[in-house]
Protein backbone atom coordinates (compact mmCIF):
# COMPACT_ATOMS: atom_id res chain seq x y z
CA MET A 1 -56.58 21.77 31.71
CA ASP A 2 -56.15 21.23 27.97
CA LYS A 3 -53.80 18.30 27.42
CA VAL A 4 -51.96 19.74 24.38
CA VAL A 5 -48.99 17.95 25.94
CA ASN A 6 -49.68 14.94 28.23
CA LEU A 7 -47.12 13.80 30.85
CA ASP A 8 -47.02 10.06 31.65
CA LEU A 9 -45.12 9.72 35.02
CA ARG A 10 -45.63 5.99 35.59
CA ALA A 11 -42.04 5.07 34.97
CA VAL A 12 -40.71 8.08 37.05
CA THR A 13 -42.76 7.93 40.21
CA PRO A 14 -41.17 4.65 41.47
CA PHE A 15 -37.91 6.62 41.85
CA LEU A 16 -39.36 9.48 43.90
CA SER A 17 -41.36 9.46 47.10
CA ASP A 18 -44.55 11.51 47.56
CA ILE A 19 -42.76 13.80 49.93
CA GLU A 20 -39.90 14.31 47.36
CA MET A 21 -42.42 15.14 44.63
CA THR A 22 -44.21 17.69 46.87
CA VAL A 23 -40.88 19.38 47.81
CA TRP A 24 -39.73 19.64 44.26
CA LEU A 25 -43.01 20.79 42.96
CA GLU A 26 -42.89 23.55 45.54
CA ARG A 27 -39.41 24.55 44.52
CA SER A 28 -40.48 24.56 40.83
CA MET A 29 -43.51 26.71 41.63
CA ASN A 30 -41.21 29.12 43.43
CA ALA A 31 -38.92 29.28 40.30
CA TYR A 32 -42.18 29.79 38.24
CA ASP A 33 -42.87 32.83 40.26
CA VAL A 34 -39.28 34.13 39.68
CA LEU A 35 -39.74 33.57 35.90
CA ARG A 36 -43.31 35.05 35.61
CA GLY A 37 -42.47 37.88 38.02
CA ARG A 38 -39.41 38.75 35.87
CA LYS A 39 -37.33 38.90 39.06
CA GLY A 40 -34.55 36.54 38.24
CA LYS A 41 -31.17 36.81 36.61
CA GLY A 42 -31.36 37.69 32.99
CA SER A 43 -34.85 38.96 33.21
CA ASP A 44 -34.20 41.49 30.45
CA PHE A 45 -34.23 38.52 27.94
CA LEU A 46 -37.78 37.35 28.57
CA GLY A 47 -39.34 38.69 25.46
CA TRP A 48 -39.93 35.19 24.27
CA ILE A 49 -42.57 34.53 26.88
CA ASP A 50 -45.20 36.50 25.00
CA LEU A 51 -44.00 36.01 21.43
CA PRO A 52 -46.68 33.61 20.32
CA SER A 53 -49.69 35.79 21.36
CA GLU A 54 -48.01 39.12 20.40
CA THR A 55 -46.70 38.31 16.92
CA HIS A 56 -48.37 40.83 14.71
CA PRO A 57 -50.18 39.71 11.53
CA SER A 58 -48.10 42.20 9.55
CA LEU A 59 -45.04 40.19 10.35
CA ILE A 60 -46.53 37.03 9.02
CA ASN A 61 -47.66 38.82 5.97
CA ARG A 62 -44.13 40.10 5.38
CA ILE A 63 -42.72 36.55 5.73
CA GLU A 64 -45.28 35.27 3.36
CA SER A 65 -44.33 38.01 0.79
CA ILE A 66 -40.79 36.63 0.85
CA VAL A 67 -42.18 33.16 0.24
CA LYS A 68 -44.08 34.36 -2.75
CA ARG A 69 -41.21 36.41 -4.01
CA TRP A 70 -38.92 33.37 -4.12
CA ALA A 71 -41.63 30.83 -5.13
CA ASN A 72 -40.87 30.96 -8.81
CA GLY A 73 -37.33 30.27 -9.97
CA ILE A 74 -35.49 29.89 -6.63
CA GLU A 75 -34.41 26.17 -6.30
CA VAL A 76 -32.10 26.37 -3.25
CA ILE A 77 -32.21 28.56 -0.24
CA VAL A 78 -29.14 28.78 2.12
CA ILE A 79 -29.89 29.48 5.78
CA VAL A 80 -26.71 31.05 7.31
CA GLY A 81 -26.58 30.77 11.04
CA ILE A 82 -25.32 28.89 14.06
CA GLY A 83 -26.87 27.79 17.37
CA GLY A 84 -30.20 29.13 17.99
CA SER A 85 -29.99 31.09 14.76
CA TYR A 86 -30.54 27.91 12.78
CA LEU A 87 -31.41 25.00 15.11
CA GLY A 88 -34.96 26.04 15.86
CA ALA A 89 -35.69 26.42 12.12
CA LYS A 90 -34.05 23.14 11.16
CA ALA A 91 -35.94 21.34 14.00
CA VAL A 92 -39.33 22.62 12.72
CA ILE A 93 -38.43 21.88 9.05
CA GLU A 94 -37.09 18.36 9.65
CA ALA A 95 -40.08 17.44 11.78
CA LEU A 96 -42.75 18.76 9.45
CA SER A 97 -41.30 17.78 6.06
CA GLY A 98 -41.65 14.50 4.30
CA SER A 99 -38.66 12.21 4.83
CA PHE A 100 -38.21 11.72 1.06
CA ASP A 101 -39.59 14.90 -0.34
CA LEU A 102 -36.38 15.72 -2.18
CA HIS A 103 -36.51 12.39 -4.09
CA MET A 104 -40.17 12.73 -5.12
CA SER A 105 -41.05 13.76 -8.71
CA GLY A 106 -42.91 17.05 -8.79
CA PHE A 107 -41.34 18.29 -5.56
CA ALA A 108 -41.97 22.02 -5.99
CA LYS A 109 -40.71 23.84 -2.85
CA PRO A 110 -37.15 25.26 -2.68
CA VAL A 111 -34.59 23.02 -1.11
CA ILE A 112 -33.42 24.44 2.26
CA VAL A 113 -29.72 23.88 3.05
CA TYR A 114 -27.58 25.41 5.80
CA ALA A 115 -24.24 27.18 6.22
CA GLY A 116 -22.36 28.80 9.04
CA GLN A 117 -22.98 26.07 11.46
CA ASN A 118 -19.52 24.63 10.95
CA LEU A 119 -16.14 25.57 9.57
CA SER A 120 -15.61 22.58 7.35
CA GLU A 121 -13.88 23.61 4.10
CA GLU A 122 -15.17 20.51 2.23
CA TYR A 123 -18.74 21.43 3.29
CA LEU A 124 -18.46 24.94 1.95
CA GLU A 125 -16.74 23.96 -1.22
CA GLU A 126 -19.57 21.49 -1.85
CA LEU A 127 -22.08 24.27 -1.07
CA LYS A 128 -20.48 26.49 -3.61
CA GLU A 129 -20.77 23.86 -6.26
CA LEU A 130 -24.47 23.47 -5.50
CA LEU A 131 -25.06 27.17 -5.62
CA MET A 132 -23.35 27.52 -8.96
CA GLU A 133 -25.53 24.70 -10.31
CA ARG A 134 -28.88 25.86 -9.04
CA SER A 135 -30.85 29.12 -8.80
CA ALA A 136 -30.10 30.22 -5.24
CA ALA A 137 -31.06 32.67 -2.47
CA CYS A 138 -29.87 33.26 1.08
CA VAL A 139 -31.27 34.06 4.54
CA VAL A 140 -28.47 35.17 6.93
CA ILE A 141 -29.34 35.16 10.60
CA SER A 142 -27.12 37.05 13.14
CA LYS A 143 -27.71 39.76 15.67
CA SER A 144 -24.03 41.05 15.29
CA GLY A 145 -22.91 39.80 11.92
CA THR A 146 -19.51 39.00 13.37
CA THR A 147 -19.88 35.51 14.83
CA THR A 148 -17.04 33.67 13.11
CA GLU A 149 -18.67 30.69 11.52
CA PRO A 150 -21.80 32.36 9.92
CA ALA A 151 -19.72 35.51 9.01
CA ILE A 152 -17.25 33.38 7.04
CA ALA A 153 -20.08 31.41 5.40
CA PHE A 154 -21.92 34.51 4.50
CA ARG A 155 -18.94 36.25 3.05
CA ILE A 156 -18.48 33.27 0.78
CA VAL A 157 -22.14 32.95 -0.20
CA LYS A 158 -22.48 36.74 -0.72
CA GLU A 159 -19.51 36.86 -3.04
CA LEU A 160 -20.80 33.92 -5.11
CA LEU A 161 -24.31 35.38 -5.49
CA GLU A 162 -22.86 38.77 -6.48
CA LYS A 163 -20.61 37.20 -9.01
CA LYS A 164 -23.27 34.99 -10.42
CA TYR A 165 -26.21 37.47 -10.60
CA GLY A 166 -24.65 40.88 -10.15
CA LYS A 167 -25.02 43.08 -7.00
CA GLN A 168 -28.46 44.35 -7.68
CA GLU A 169 -30.06 40.97 -8.29
CA ALA A 170 -28.04 39.48 -5.43
CA SER A 171 -29.54 41.95 -3.10
CA GLU A 172 -33.04 40.63 -4.05
CA ARG A 173 -31.85 37.13 -3.35
CA ILE A 174 -30.48 37.89 0.13
CA VAL A 175 -32.66 38.48 3.35
CA ALA A 176 -31.03 39.44 6.64
CA ILE A 177 -32.56 38.62 10.06
CA THR A 178 -30.63 40.82 12.56
CA ASP A 179 -30.62 43.51 15.21
CA LYS A 180 -32.92 46.46 14.62
CA SER A 181 -30.36 49.23 14.81
CA VAL A 182 -26.74 48.02 15.43
CA GLY A 183 -24.19 45.59 14.26
CA THR A 184 -22.13 44.65 11.19
CA LEU A 185 -24.98 42.66 9.42
CA LYS A 186 -27.40 45.59 10.01
CA GLU A 187 -24.84 48.03 8.40
CA VAL A 188 -24.24 45.67 5.44
CA SER A 189 -28.03 45.25 5.04
CA ASP A 190 -28.67 48.89 4.85
CA LYS A 191 -25.81 49.56 2.49
CA GLU A 192 -26.79 46.69 0.10
CA GLY A 193 -30.56 47.21 0.32
CA TYR A 194 -31.38 43.71 1.63
CA THR A 195 -34.90 42.99 2.91
CA THR A 196 -34.49 42.75 6.80
CA PHE A 197 -36.37 41.17 9.74
CA ILE A 198 -35.66 41.96 13.32
CA ILE A 199 -34.67 39.67 16.14
CA PRO A 200 -36.01 41.46 19.31
CA ASP A 201 -33.40 42.74 21.74
CA ASP A 202 -34.94 40.83 24.58
CA VAL A 203 -34.89 37.37 22.87
CA GLY A 204 -31.80 35.31 22.98
CA GLY A 205 -30.87 32.94 20.12
CA ARG A 206 -31.88 29.66 21.70
CA TYR A 207 -35.34 31.16 22.43
CA SER A 208 -35.89 32.62 19.00
CA VAL A 209 -37.70 29.97 17.21
CA PHE A 210 -40.94 32.04 17.21
CA THR A 211 -39.16 35.13 15.83
CA PRO A 212 -38.32 35.58 12.13
CA ALA A 213 -35.17 33.52 12.70
CA GLY A 214 -37.38 30.47 13.01
CA LEU A 215 -40.54 31.51 11.16
CA LEU A 216 -39.07 32.66 7.82
CA PRO A 217 -36.92 29.58 7.08
CA ALA A 218 -39.85 27.39 8.14
CA ALA A 219 -42.20 29.29 5.86
CA LEU A 220 -39.86 29.05 2.92
CA ALA A 221 -39.78 25.20 3.50
CA GLY A 222 -43.56 25.20 3.22
CA VAL A 223 -44.41 24.89 6.95
CA ASP A 224 -47.67 26.45 8.11
CA ILE A 225 -46.18 28.95 10.55
CA ARG A 226 -49.69 30.25 11.58
CA SER A 227 -50.51 26.80 13.01
CA LEU A 228 -47.09 26.72 14.68
CA LEU A 229 -47.74 29.99 16.41
CA ASP A 230 -51.26 28.86 17.31
CA GLY A 231 -50.00 25.80 19.14
CA ALA A 232 -47.35 27.85 20.86
CA GLY A 233 -50.05 30.40 21.94
CA ALA A 234 -52.17 27.66 23.34
CA MET A 235 -49.26 26.43 25.40
CA GLN A 236 -48.45 29.98 26.37
CA LYS A 237 -51.80 30.09 28.06
CA ILE A 238 -51.25 26.78 29.82
CA CYS A 239 -47.85 27.74 31.12
CA ALA A 240 -49.21 31.00 32.39
CA ALA A 241 -51.25 29.16 34.93
CA ARG A 242 -49.77 28.86 38.43
CA SER A 243 -50.88 25.37 38.79
CA SER A 244 -49.51 21.95 39.84
CA GLU A 245 -50.91 20.67 36.56
CA ASN A 246 -48.77 23.14 34.51
CA PRO A 247 -46.64 20.58 32.45
CA ALA A 248 -43.65 23.00 32.45
CA VAL A 249 -43.72 23.17 36.24
CA ILE A 250 -44.05 19.40 36.53
CA TYR A 251 -41.24 18.75 34.05
CA ALA A 252 -38.81 21.16 35.76
CA ALA A 253 -39.61 19.69 39.19
CA LEU A 254 -39.10 16.08 38.04
CA ARG A 255 -35.83 16.68 36.22
CA ASN A 256 -34.32 18.52 39.26
CA ALA A 257 -35.60 15.97 41.67
CA LEU A 258 -33.85 13.16 39.68
CA TYR A 259 -30.66 15.39 39.36
CA SER A 260 -30.63 15.74 43.15
CA LYS A 261 -30.57 11.88 43.28
CA GLY A 262 -27.60 11.45 41.04
CA LYS A 263 -29.28 11.36 37.61
CA LYS A 264 -26.98 13.79 35.88
CA ILE A 265 -27.59 12.93 32.26
CA GLU A 266 -31.02 13.32 30.52
CA LEU A 267 -31.62 11.43 27.24
CA MET A 268 -34.19 12.96 24.82
CA ILE A 269 -35.64 9.83 23.17
CA ASN A 270 -37.72 9.79 20.02
CA TYR A 271 -39.22 7.00 18.08
CA ASN A 272 -39.74 9.02 14.94
CA PRO A 273 -36.62 10.08 12.92
CA LYS A 274 -38.31 13.39 12.01
CA LEU A 275 -37.54 14.49 15.69
CA GLN A 276 -33.85 14.04 15.47
CA TYR A 277 -33.11 17.77 14.97
CA PHE A 278 -35.86 18.70 17.61
CA ALA A 279 -33.61 16.91 20.10
CA GLU A 280 -30.60 18.90 18.78
CA TRP A 281 -32.58 22.17 19.40
CA TRP A 282 -33.55 20.89 22.93
CA LYS A 283 -29.94 20.03 23.73
CA GLN A 284 -28.88 23.55 23.04
CA LEU A 285 -31.71 25.06 24.86
CA PHE A 286 -31.06 23.24 28.15
CA GLY A 287 -27.22 22.85 27.77
CA GLU A 288 -26.60 26.45 27.13
CA SER A 289 -29.15 27.62 29.66
CA GLU A 290 -28.15 25.42 32.54
CA GLY A 291 -24.55 24.31 32.15
CA LYS A 292 -22.97 26.93 34.49
CA ASP A 293 -21.23 27.35 37.91
CA GLY A 294 -20.33 23.59 37.91
CA LYS A 295 -24.00 22.66 37.67
CA GLY A 296 -26.52 21.35 35.23
CA ILE A 297 -27.91 18.12 33.80
CA PHE A 298 -26.11 17.11 30.71
CA PRO A 299 -28.58 16.85 27.80
CA ALA A 300 -28.05 14.08 25.20
CA SER A 301 -30.31 12.42 22.80
CA LEU A 302 -30.88 8.97 21.15
CA ASN A 303 -33.05 7.90 18.24
CA PHE A 304 -34.99 4.71 18.95
CA THR A 305 -35.51 1.99 17.92
CA THR A 306 -32.32 2.49 15.88
CA ASP A 307 -30.06 3.22 18.89
CA LEU A 308 -31.63 0.43 21.01
CA HIS A 309 -29.39 -1.76 18.79
CA SER A 310 -26.22 0.28 19.75
CA MET A 311 -26.49 2.51 22.79
CA GLY A 312 -29.41 0.47 24.24
CA GLN A 313 -27.03 -1.75 25.93
CA TYR A 314 -25.36 1.16 27.83
CA VAL A 315 -28.81 2.54 28.83
CA GLN A 316 -29.92 -0.74 30.16
CA GLY A 317 -26.71 -1.84 31.81
CA GLY A 318 -24.29 1.04 32.10
CA GLU A 319 -23.67 3.59 34.94
CA ARG A 320 -27.00 4.55 36.62
CA THR A 321 -26.65 8.34 36.05
CA LEU A 322 -29.29 8.42 33.30
CA PHE A 323 -32.97 9.34 33.08
CA GLU A 324 -35.05 9.60 29.84
CA THR A 325 -37.66 11.81 28.42
CA VAL A 326 -39.47 10.14 25.63
CA ILE A 327 -41.44 11.98 23.04
CA CYS A 328 -44.48 9.95 22.00
CA ILE A 329 -46.68 10.81 19.01
CA ILE A 330 -50.08 9.21 19.65
CA ASN A 331 -51.49 9.37 16.14
CA PRO A 332 -49.00 9.17 13.20
CA SER A 333 -50.00 10.53 9.83
CA GLY A 334 -49.74 7.12 7.95
CA LYS A 335 -51.57 3.91 8.20
CA LEU A 336 -49.28 1.15 7.04
CA THR A 337 -49.99 -2.43 7.91
CA ILE A 338 -47.64 -5.47 7.73
CA PRO A 339 -48.44 -7.76 4.87
CA ASN A 340 -48.83 -11.58 4.97
CA ASP A 341 -46.01 -13.81 3.74
CA PRO A 342 -47.43 -17.10 2.46
CA ASP A 343 -44.14 -18.87 3.33
CA ASN A 344 -43.78 -17.07 6.80
CA SER A 345 -40.07 -17.43 6.32
CA ASP A 346 -39.26 -14.69 8.85
CA LYS A 347 -41.79 -16.14 11.23
CA LEU A 348 -43.63 -12.86 11.48
CA ASN A 349 -47.04 -13.86 10.28
CA PHE A 350 -48.50 -13.26 13.72
CA LEU A 351 -48.05 -9.60 12.85
CA THR A 352 -50.15 -9.81 9.68
CA GLY A 353 -52.37 -6.76 9.40
CA VAL A 354 -50.86 -5.09 12.45
CA ARG A 355 -49.87 -1.36 11.98
CA VAL A 356 -46.20 -0.57 11.96
CA ASP A 357 -46.94 2.16 14.49
CA HIS A 358 -48.34 -0.41 16.90
CA CYS A 359 -45.08 -2.32 16.73
CA ASN A 360 -43.20 0.98 17.29
CA LYS A 361 -45.38 1.71 20.30
CA MET A 362 -44.86 -1.74 21.80
CA ALA A 363 -41.06 -1.48 21.28
CA GLU A 364 -41.39 1.94 23.17
CA MET A 365 -43.39 0.49 26.11
CA GLY A 366 -41.01 -2.49 26.18
CA ALA A 367 -37.98 -0.29 26.43
CA VAL A 368 -39.62 2.05 28.96
CA ILE A 369 -40.45 -1.03 31.23
CA ALA A 370 -36.97 -2.57 30.72
CA HIS A 371 -35.19 0.73 31.44
CA MET A 372 -37.28 1.52 34.53
CA GLU A 373 -36.68 -1.92 35.99
CA GLY A 374 -32.94 -1.39 35.09
CA GLY A 375 -32.78 1.72 37.22
CA VAL A 376 -33.47 4.52 34.46
CA PRO A 377 -36.45 6.71 35.25
CA THR A 378 -38.44 7.56 32.06
CA LEU A 379 -40.84 10.43 31.58
CA ARG A 380 -43.10 10.07 28.53
CA MET A 381 -44.45 13.30 26.82
CA GLU A 382 -47.33 12.44 24.64
CA ILE A 383 -48.51 14.79 21.85
CA PRO A 384 -51.65 13.89 19.68
CA ALA A 385 -49.85 14.35 16.37
CA LEU A 386 -46.71 15.62 14.79
CA ASN A 387 -47.95 18.76 13.12
CA GLY A 388 -47.31 22.47 13.38
CA TYR A 389 -49.75 23.04 16.20
CA HIS A 390 -48.45 20.47 18.59
CA LEU A 391 -44.86 20.97 17.68
CA GLY A 392 -45.21 24.67 18.42
CA ALA A 393 -46.96 23.77 21.70
CA LEU A 394 -44.12 21.35 22.70
CA MET A 395 -41.34 23.82 21.83
CA TYR A 396 -42.93 26.60 23.96
CA MET A 397 -43.46 24.19 26.83
CA PHE A 398 -39.73 23.29 26.79
CA GLU A 399 -38.60 26.91 26.58
CA PHE A 400 -40.77 27.78 29.61
CA ALA A 401 -39.73 24.77 31.53
CA CYS A 402 -36.06 25.57 30.79
CA GLY A 403 -36.36 29.04 32.46
CA ILE A 404 -38.04 27.43 35.57
CA SER A 405 -35.49 24.66 35.74
CA ALA A 406 -32.45 26.95 35.48
CA TYR A 407 -33.85 29.15 38.23
CA ILE A 408 -34.34 26.06 40.37
CA LEU A 409 -30.56 25.43 39.86
CA GLY A 410 -29.87 29.05 40.72
CA VAL A 411 -28.28 29.96 37.34
CA ASN A 412 -29.05 32.51 34.69
CA PRO A 413 -30.99 30.74 31.96
CA PHE A 414 -30.24 33.51 29.38
CA ASP A 415 -26.49 34.04 29.20
CA GLN A 416 -23.75 31.75 27.90
CA PRO A 417 -20.42 33.02 29.29
CA GLY A 418 -18.56 29.73 28.60
CA VAL A 419 -19.24 30.02 24.84
CA GLU A 420 -16.90 32.96 24.68
CA ASP A 421 -13.80 31.04 25.91
CA TYR A 422 -13.18 29.08 22.76
CA LYS A 423 -13.85 32.18 20.69
CA LYS A 424 -11.12 34.18 22.38
CA ASN A 425 -8.60 31.33 21.93
CA MET A 426 -9.69 30.88 18.23
CA PHE A 427 -9.33 34.63 17.51
CA ALA A 428 -5.87 34.63 19.23
CA LEU A 429 -4.65 31.64 17.32
CA LEU A 430 -5.87 33.16 14.02
CA GLY A 431 -3.87 36.28 14.68
CA LYS A 432 -6.82 38.69 15.33
CA PRO A 433 -5.56 42.09 16.31
CA GLY A 434 -5.92 42.79 20.07
CA TYR A 435 -5.43 39.12 21.04
CA GLU A 436 -1.62 39.12 20.96
CA GLU A 437 -1.15 38.30 24.69
CA ILE A 438 -3.51 35.43 24.61
CA ALA A 439 -1.80 34.19 21.47
CA LYS A 440 1.60 34.11 23.21
CA ARG A 441 0.21 32.04 26.17
CA LEU A 442 -1.57 29.54 23.77
CA ASN A 443 1.36 29.12 21.57
CA ASN A 444 3.57 28.17 24.65
CA ILE A 445 1.04 25.61 25.49
CA LEU A 446 1.02 24.23 22.06
CA LYS A 447 4.91 23.90 21.79
């Protein structure tokens, strides 16, 4: 089987017996059958499974037409969305962009910024200042158009663009990604004449990275979305195989086996800062899919080696409820070696000529061994390179594994009932009509 993603289990197997591995692989395979057979809870939200292979070339052409339309003159593009409506795109953009692109002379691509992912007044005020200063456009992503955070942000951005450019030109600077037929954003888009893209009815937000919600912002940032889809398509074929070598089956089995032994917190670890928002996307994917009915592994993340000098102490010596999943990039894009210091003042001349990545890899292996010996199982996921192809493959693998893992737990991977609780309270406290009784109860609590 093609090792688009390779799993290194050496720091996990000491914590699980052969019998336990066999039992949990069987349970994972049974959950795989539920997912592939579309027989489980939430099975009407499985449109993401076939997205990579079924994305029509005409959609890619339409996305690229927006990129061309905004290529000349647009300096800043605001992506308005929250949760899965922006995290997938941000994860891809951060992973595949240069760390210092914005500071390089001759940087030609539009700057991508985000709104609707918080309710910070300071953030939105500062965004307005930027949009007044620069030539701006907006991509708004919402199935309904009424989710509070992005709806407020879009109202503010829309007003600014219309005042700055006039309604007609503003409509050319706004693209909406929304439901195909219903919802407030769909109605506004039709009324104002915005270019629109569709989020399929059978794809939930946190599984939408291979829909226009992820693909259009990524393309606007200069990402090769065809390569991203090619990698996801390759992994789609791998995950379709009912095999004990299927990486999604193995990963789901291992994490649930460890969960059954008291390992209740999974740390997503990267050794490349470009993957920080990949971990944020992963946290939403698993946290919102599995955290139900009093169950679920808590997904968290750390950035190594940085956090080895802060949270590393807890990982090594704290409560033994942790396990780690490390993303390892085998071949980095750069080739930087450590120079010689004639005075050897830092006593590091033994590293002269050594690649920085080799030091990073040895720090990784040192931490893996230390954490394993300290009681923290560590699964390493290796990808050959950090590029669109392998990132797409990795993201699809996690989506597929998430569905399997949630079915092992016995929960619906595709709903999020708990998210609605804070919204009801917020609406009541804001005085939204129809929430008066809830408001009375909450105000009594707050007295």
